[in-house]
């Protein structure tokens, strides 16, 4: 049964629903339209790995003009882990997205992806083009994401991929020991202020919402999170020659997890794509929510 959450300054109006994916895994889906009264187009959000609705403050405002439907990844935020731990790669995320669309009665929609979710939405568009009317990519590339990390360092792609995958393996093995610490970390405005001066994240527009997003993220055991990351790292680059819908790429200038140059290159290979670069990091939805939202509305108008 759907459940809803009352809205306060840091707790927007949301509705949650349990959805069964094709392999029987129970997913926790959500929408910003709990009363089913939202006017405007529907967007299916392929969210960043392990992230929650609270990473998108502009989309949780009652006047955002966009009905958003999304879900928590397997083993995250109320979604079950699959019986087979191997079934949590990009192909499984695609299946989950289709199951969520079916559950909400969405035949065709614009897909918006963030980070690893960009991999998933391009894969979905490649194999199920009849379900997709447009692709809005935020801080992510269509495949081989680990090779595009650390872009500001301008290292060779093979070196970057080896380094980042090795670090993810190390983090996975250390995760069970670190999780009891990470899940108990107090996260508030001071924590967000500190994170905002690391360069990994820049100052955000709504610190309370950012704090909630980080707290939600830290509820996921770190060993499971890096297991998910390593499974998705095996996804190779999507061939863009068969993508036939409009696309838009929005990159952060100082993003260390998805290189702006690689996003610009992907946009250049698509006949009906645009590229925008915002002065921010990987967390544009928290740092530049209004600018990002305006670009999304422009794209939805272009798609029609």
Protein backbone atom coordinates (compact mmCIF):
# COMPACT_ATOMS: atom_id res chain seq x y z
CA UNK A 1 0.00 0.00 0.00
CA UNK A 2 1.27 3.48 -0.77
CA UNK A 3 2.38 5.53 2.21
CA UNK A 4 2.87 9.26 2.35
CA UNK A 5 4.99 11.63 4.40
CA UNK A 6 3.79 15.04 5.59
CA UNK A 7 5.75 18.03 4.34
CA UNK A 8 7.84 20.32 6.50
CA UNK A 9 10.81 22.52 5.59
CA UNK A 10 13.07 19.46 5.57
CA UNK A 11 10.46 16.74 4.93
CA UNK A 12 8.71 17.34 1.60
CA UNK A 13 5.50 15.67 0.53
CA UNK A 14 6.31 12.22 -0.82
CA UNK A 15 4.49 8.96 -1.41
CA UNK A 16 6.15 5.55 -1.23
CA UNK A 17 5.05 2.29 -2.80
CA UNK A 18 6.37 -1.26 -2.84
CA UNK A 19 6.98 -2.64 -6.33
CA UNK A 20 8.07 -6.13 -7.32
CA UNK A 21 10.75 -6.33 -9.97
CA UNK A 22 10.72 -9.13 -12.55
CA UNK A 23 12.93 -11.39 -10.44
CA UNK A 24 10.77 -10.91 -7.34
CA UNK A 25 12.96 -8.35 -5.58
CA UNK A 26 10.82 -5.89 -3.59
CA UNK A 27 11.65 -2.27 -4.40
CA UNK A 28 10.74 0.88 -2.49
CA UNK A 29 9.47 3.33 -5.12
CA UNK A 30 8.58 6.97 -4.52
CA UNK A 31 6.93 9.95 -6.17
CA UNK A 32 6.70 13.67 -5.43
CA UNK A 33 2.99 13.53 -6.31
CA UNK A 34 1.34 11.78 -3.34
CA UNK A 35 -2.14 13.13 -4.12
CA UNK A 36 -1.84 12.49 -7.86
CA UNK A 37 -2.67 16.13 -8.56
CA UNK A 38 0.64 17.32 -9.98
CA UNK A 39 0.32 19.11 -13.29
CA UNK A 40 3.10 18.87 -15.83
CA UNK A 41 5.02 16.07 -17.51
CA UNK A 42 6.20 12.88 -15.82
CA UNK A 43 9.91 12.22 -15.45
CA UNK A 44 11.33 8.86 -14.36
CA UNK A 45 14.45 9.44 -12.28
CA UNK A 46 17.26 6.89 -12.41
CA UNK A 47 18.88 8.18 -9.25
CA UNK A 48 22.49 8.12 -8.16
CA UNK A 49 23.68 4.89 -6.58
CA UNK A 50 22.41 4.62 -3.01
CA UNK A 51 20.77 8.05 -3.01
CA UNK A 52 17.31 9.24 -1.98
CA UNK A 53 14.66 11.81 -2.99
CA UNK A 54 16.23 14.34 -0.63
CA UNK A 55 19.15 14.89 -3.00
CA UNK A 56 16.69 16.76 -5.26
CA UNK A 57 15.26 19.72 -3.31
CA UNK A 58 13.97 21.53 -6.41
CA UNK A 59 11.93 18.48 -7.44
CA UNK A 60 10.35 18.17 -4.00
CA UNK A 61 8.77 21.62 -4.08
CA UNK A 62 5.00 21.51 -4.63
CA UNK A 63 5.27 23.98 -7.52
CA UNK A 64 8.12 22.24 -9.35
CA UNK A 65 5.86 21.49 -12.34
CA UNK A 66 7.22 17.98 -12.86
CA UNK A 67 5.80 14.69 -11.63
CA UNK A 68 8.77 12.56 -10.59
CA UNK A 69 8.72 8.79 -10.18
CA UNK A 70 11.77 6.93 -8.89
CA UNK A 71 12.91 4.14 -6.56
CA UNK A 72 15.62 3.11 -4.13
CA UNK A 73 18.25 0.75 -5.50
CA UNK A 74 18.43 -2.85 -4.37
CA UNK A 75 19.41 -3.11 -0.72
CA UNK A 76 19.06 0.65 -0.20
CA UNK A 77 16.45 2.73 1.62
CA UNK A 78 13.85 0.03 2.15
CA UNK A 79 14.39 -1.91 -1.08
CA UNK A 80 15.33 -5.56 -0.55
CA UNK A 81 18.62 -7.09 -1.54
CA UNK A 82 18.24 -9.68 -4.30
CA UNK A 83 18.49 -13.34 -3.36
CA UNK A 84 21.50 -13.61 -5.65
CA UNK A 85 24.00 -10.87 -4.75
CA UNK A 86 25.15 -10.76 -8.37
CA UNK A 87 21.78 -9.43 -9.53
CA UNK A 88 22.39 -5.75 -8.86
CA UNK A 89 24.17 -4.53 -11.98
CA UNK A 90 23.04 -2.06 -14.62
CA UNK A 91 20.84 -4.66 -16.38
CA UNK A 92 19.02 -5.27 -13.10
CA UNK A 93 18.59 -1.53 -12.54
CA UNK A 94 17.03 -1.32 -16.01
CA UNK A 95 14.61 -4.12 -15.14
CA UNK A 96 13.75 -2.35 -11.89
CA UNK A 97 13.09 0.89 -13.75
CA UNK A 98 10.72 -0.84 -16.15
CA UNK A 99 8.90 -2.50 -13.24
CA UNK A 100 8.46 0.87 -11.52
CA UNK A 101 7.17 2.45 -14.74
CA UNK A 102 4.67 -0.37 -15.15
CA UNK A 103 3.52 -0.08 -11.53
CA UNK A 104 2.83 3.64 -11.97
CA UNK A 105 1.15 3.17 -15.33
CA UNK A 106 3.86 5.01 -17.28
CA UNK A 107 4.06 3.78 -20.87
CA UNK A 108 6.64 6.31 -22.08
CA UNK A 109 8.48 9.18 -20.41
CA UNK A 110 11.56 11.33 -20.26
CA UNK A 111 14.27 9.65 -18.20
CA UNK A 112 16.54 11.68 -15.96
CA UNK A 113 19.71 10.08 -14.66
CA UNK A 114 22.26 11.13 -12.11
CA UNK A 115 25.72 9.60 -11.78
CA UNK A 116 25.48 5.82 -12.26
CA UNK A 117 21.80 6.33 -13.10
CA UNK A 118 22.92 7.84 -16.42
CA UNK A 119 24.35 4.41 -17.33
CA UNK A 120 21.03 2.79 -16.54
CA UNK A 121 18.84 5.23 -18.45
CA UNK A 122 20.94 4.98 -21.62
CA UNK A 123 20.86 1.19 -21.37
CA UNK A 124 17.08 1.34 -20.96
CA UNK A 125 16.76 3.65 -23.97
CA UNK A 126 18.95 1.34 -26.06
CA UNK A 127 16.95 -1.83 -25.39
CA UNK A 128 13.48 -0.35 -24.83
CA UNK A 129 13.29 2.73 -27.06
CA UNK A 130 9.49 2.61 -27.11
CA UNK A 131 9.47 3.53 -23.39
CA UNK A 132 11.69 6.62 -23.68
CA UNK A 133 10.93 10.06 -25.10
CA UNK A 134 14.07 11.89 -23.94
CA UNK A 135 17.24 11.57 -21.84
CA UNK A 136 18.40 14.17 -19.30
CA UNK A 137 21.84 13.24 -17.94
CA UNK A 138 23.23 14.90 -14.81
CA UNK A 139 26.85 14.34 -13.80
CA UNK A 140 27.11 10.97 -15.47
CA UNK A 141 28.21 9.22 -18.65
CA UNK A 142 26.63 6.40 -20.68
CA UNK A 143 28.88 3.63 -19.42
CA UNK A 144 32.40 2.87 -18.17
CA UNK A 145 31.94 5.44 -15.42
CA UNK A 146 34.97 4.42 -13.37
CA UNK A 147 37.27 5.31 -16.26
CA UNK A 148 35.95 8.89 -16.29
CA UNK A 149 36.50 9.58 -12.59
CA UNK A 150 39.22 11.90 -11.28
CA UNK A 151 38.83 13.99 -14.43
CA UNK A 152 40.44 17.14 -12.98
CA UNK A 153 43.68 15.15 -12.58
CA UNK A 154 43.74 14.40 -16.34
CA UNK A 155 45.14 10.89 -15.89
CA UNK A 156 44.96 8.25 -18.66
CA UNK A 157 41.67 6.36 -18.66
CA UNK A 158 43.20 2.87 -18.05
CA UNK A 159 45.11 4.23 -15.06
CA UNK A 160 42.00 5.89 -13.66
CA UNK A 161 39.88 2.77 -14.07
CA UNK A 162 42.47 0.53 -12.38
CA UNK A 163 42.91 2.98 -9.52
CA UNK A 164 39.22 3.61 -8.85
CA UNK A 165 38.19 -0.05 -9.07
CA UNK A 166 41.03 -1.00 -6.72
CA UNK A 167 39.91 1.65 -4.22
CA UNK A 168 36.32 0.41 -4.45
CA UNK A 169 37.46 -3.16 -3.71
CA UNK A 170 39.40 -1.93 -0.68
CA UNK A 171 36.41 0.07 0.54
CA UNK A 172 34.14 -2.94 0.13
CA UNK A 173 36.42 -5.12 2.27
CA UNK A 174 36.69 -2.41 4.93
CA UNK A 175 32.99 -1.61 4.78
CA UNK A 176 31.75 -4.06 7.41
CA UNK A 177 34.16 -2.56 9.96
CA UNK A 178 33.38 1.05 9.00
CA UNK A 179 29.58 0.78 8.77
CA UNK A 180 28.95 0.85 12.56
CA UNK A 181 30.78 4.19 12.54
CA UNK A 182 29.27 5.68 9.38
CA UNK A 183 25.68 4.88 10.38
CA UNK A 184 26.13 6.71 13.69
CA UNK A 185 27.75 9.86 12.37
CA UNK A 186 25.84 13.00 13.37
CA UNK A 187 25.03 14.90 10.18
CA UNK A 188 23.72 18.44 10.41
CA UNK A 189 24.47 21.90 9.11
CA UNK A 190 28.03 21.88 10.47
CA UNK A 191 28.78 18.60 8.72
CA UNK A 192 27.44 19.95 5.43
CA UNK A 193 29.45 23.15 5.86
CA UNK A 194 32.59 21.07 6.37
CA UNK A 195 31.83 18.87 3.34
CA UNK A 196 31.20 21.98 1.27
CA UNK A 197 34.79 23.08 1.70
CA UNK A 198 36.44 19.79 0.74
CA UNK A 199 36.19 20.27 -3.02
CA UNK A 200 34.36 16.93 -3.26
CA UNK A 201 31.15 18.87 -2.57
CA UNK A 202 30.70 22.64 -2.89
CA UNK A 203 28.36 24.92 -0.90
CA UNK A 204 24.71 23.89 -1.16
CA UNK A 205 21.59 26.03 -1.33
CA UNK A 206 19.55 24.13 1.28
CA UNK A 207 21.81 22.74 4.04
CA UNK A 208 19.00 21.01 5.94
CA UNK A 209 17.92 19.07 2.87
CA UNK A 210 21.54 18.22 2.06
CA UNK A 211 22.01 16.94 5.61
CA UNK A 212 18.99 14.70 5.24
CA UNK A 213 20.30 13.39 1.93
CA UNK A 214 23.65 12.51 3.52
CA UNK A 215 21.99 10.89 6.54
CA UNK A 216 19.86 8.74 4.22
CA UNK A 217 22.93 7.77 2.22
CA UNK A 218 24.79 6.67 5.35
CA UNK A 219 22.05 4.22 6.31
CA UNK A 220 23.34 1.90 3.57
CA UNK A 221 26.06 -0.48 4.81
CA UNK A 222 29.28 0.54 3.13
CA UNK A 223 30.23 -2.98 2.10
CA UNK A 224 26.91 -3.32 0.26
CA UNK A 225 27.24 0.12 -1.33
CA UNK A 226 30.66 -0.69 -2.77
CA UNK A 227 29.40 -4.11 -3.85
CA UNK A 228 26.75 -2.26 -5.88
CA UNK A 229 29.36 0.14 -7.23
CA UNK A 230 31.65 -2.68 -8.35
CA UNK A 231 28.77 -4.49 -10.06
CA UNK A 232 27.83 -1.36 -11.98
CA UNK A 233 31.49 -0.70 -12.82
CA UNK A 234 31.34 -3.72 -15.11
CA UNK A 235 28.96 -1.88 -17.44
CA UNK A 236 30.75 -0.95 -20.65
CA UNK A 237 30.02 2.12 -22.74
CA UNK A 238 26.67 2.23 -24.49
CA UNK A 239 26.75 2.52 -28.28
CA UNK A 240 25.09 5.86 -28.96
CA UNK A 241 24.45 5.19 -32.65
CA UNK A 242 21.06 3.64 -31.86
CA UNK A 243 19.86 6.42 -29.55
CA UNK A 244 17.16 8.30 -31.43
CA UNK A 245 15.61 10.60 -28.80
CA UNK A 246 16.62 14.11 -27.70
CA UNK A 247 19.23 14.23 -24.96
CA UNK A 248 20.76 16.82 -22.66
CA UNK A 249 23.94 16.53 -20.59
CA UNK A 250 24.61 18.73 -17.56
CA UNK A 251 28.12 18.48 -16.11
CA UNK A 252 29.88 19.95 -13.10
CA UNK A 253 33.16 21.71 -13.83
CA UNK A 254 34.93 20.24 -10.78
CA UNK A 255 33.23 16.84 -10.72
CA UNK A 256 35.70 14.11 -9.69
CA UNK A 257 33.21 11.25 -10.21
CA UNK A 258 32.03 11.96 -13.78
CA UNK A 259 34.25 13.94 -16.10
CA UNK A 260 32.77 16.96 -17.88
CA UNK A 261 34.95 16.29 -20.94
CA UNK A 262 33.54 12.78 -21.29
CA UNK A 263 30.00 14.11 -20.99
CA UNK A 264 30.69 16.73 -23.65
CA UNK A 265 32.15 14.03 -25.90
CA UNK A 266 29.02 11.87 -25.48
CA UNK A 267 26.77 14.83 -26.31
CA UNK A 268 28.79 15.55 -29.43
CA UNK A 269 28.18 12.01 -30.71
CA UNK A 270 24.39 12.37 -30.55
CA UNK A 271 22.58 14.24 -33.33
CA UNK A 272 19.97 15.83 -31.03
CA UNK A 273 21.86 16.53 -27.82
CA UNK A 274 22.89 19.59 -25.84
CA UNK A 275 25.68 20.06 -23.31
CA UNK A 276 25.74 22.44 -20.36
CA UNK A 277 28.48 22.90 -17.79
CA UNK A 278 27.69 24.40 -14.40
CA UNK A 279 30.25 25.58 -11.84
CA UNK A 280 29.82 22.75 -9.39
CA UNK A 281 30.81 19.25 -8.36
CA UNK A 282 29.09 15.88 -8.69
CA UNK A 283 26.26 17.16 -6.49
CA UNK A 284 24.69 19.72 -8.81
CA UNK A 285 21.17 18.87 -7.60
CA UNK A 286 22.14 20.21 -4.16
CA UNK A 287 24.54 22.95 -5.22
CA UNK A 288 22.70 24.37 -8.25
CA UNK A 289 19.10 23.13 -7.87
CA UNK A 290 17.40 26.11 -9.49
CA UNK A 291 19.69 26.24 -12.53
CA UNK A 292 19.44 22.49 -12.98
CA UNK A 293 15.67 22.62 -12.64
CA UNK A 294 15.43 25.38 -15.24
CA UNK A 295 17.49 23.29 -17.67
CA UNK A 296 15.19 20.31 -17.05
CA UNK A 297 12.08 22.41 -17.75
CA UNK A 298 13.66 23.75 -20.95
CA UNK A 299 14.46 20.21 -22.04
CA UNK A 300 10.92 18.98 -21.30
CA UNK A 301 9.56 21.82 -23.42
CA UNK A 302 11.93 20.88 -26.23
CA UNK A 303 10.85 17.24 -26.06
CA UNK A 304 7.23 18.31 -25.99
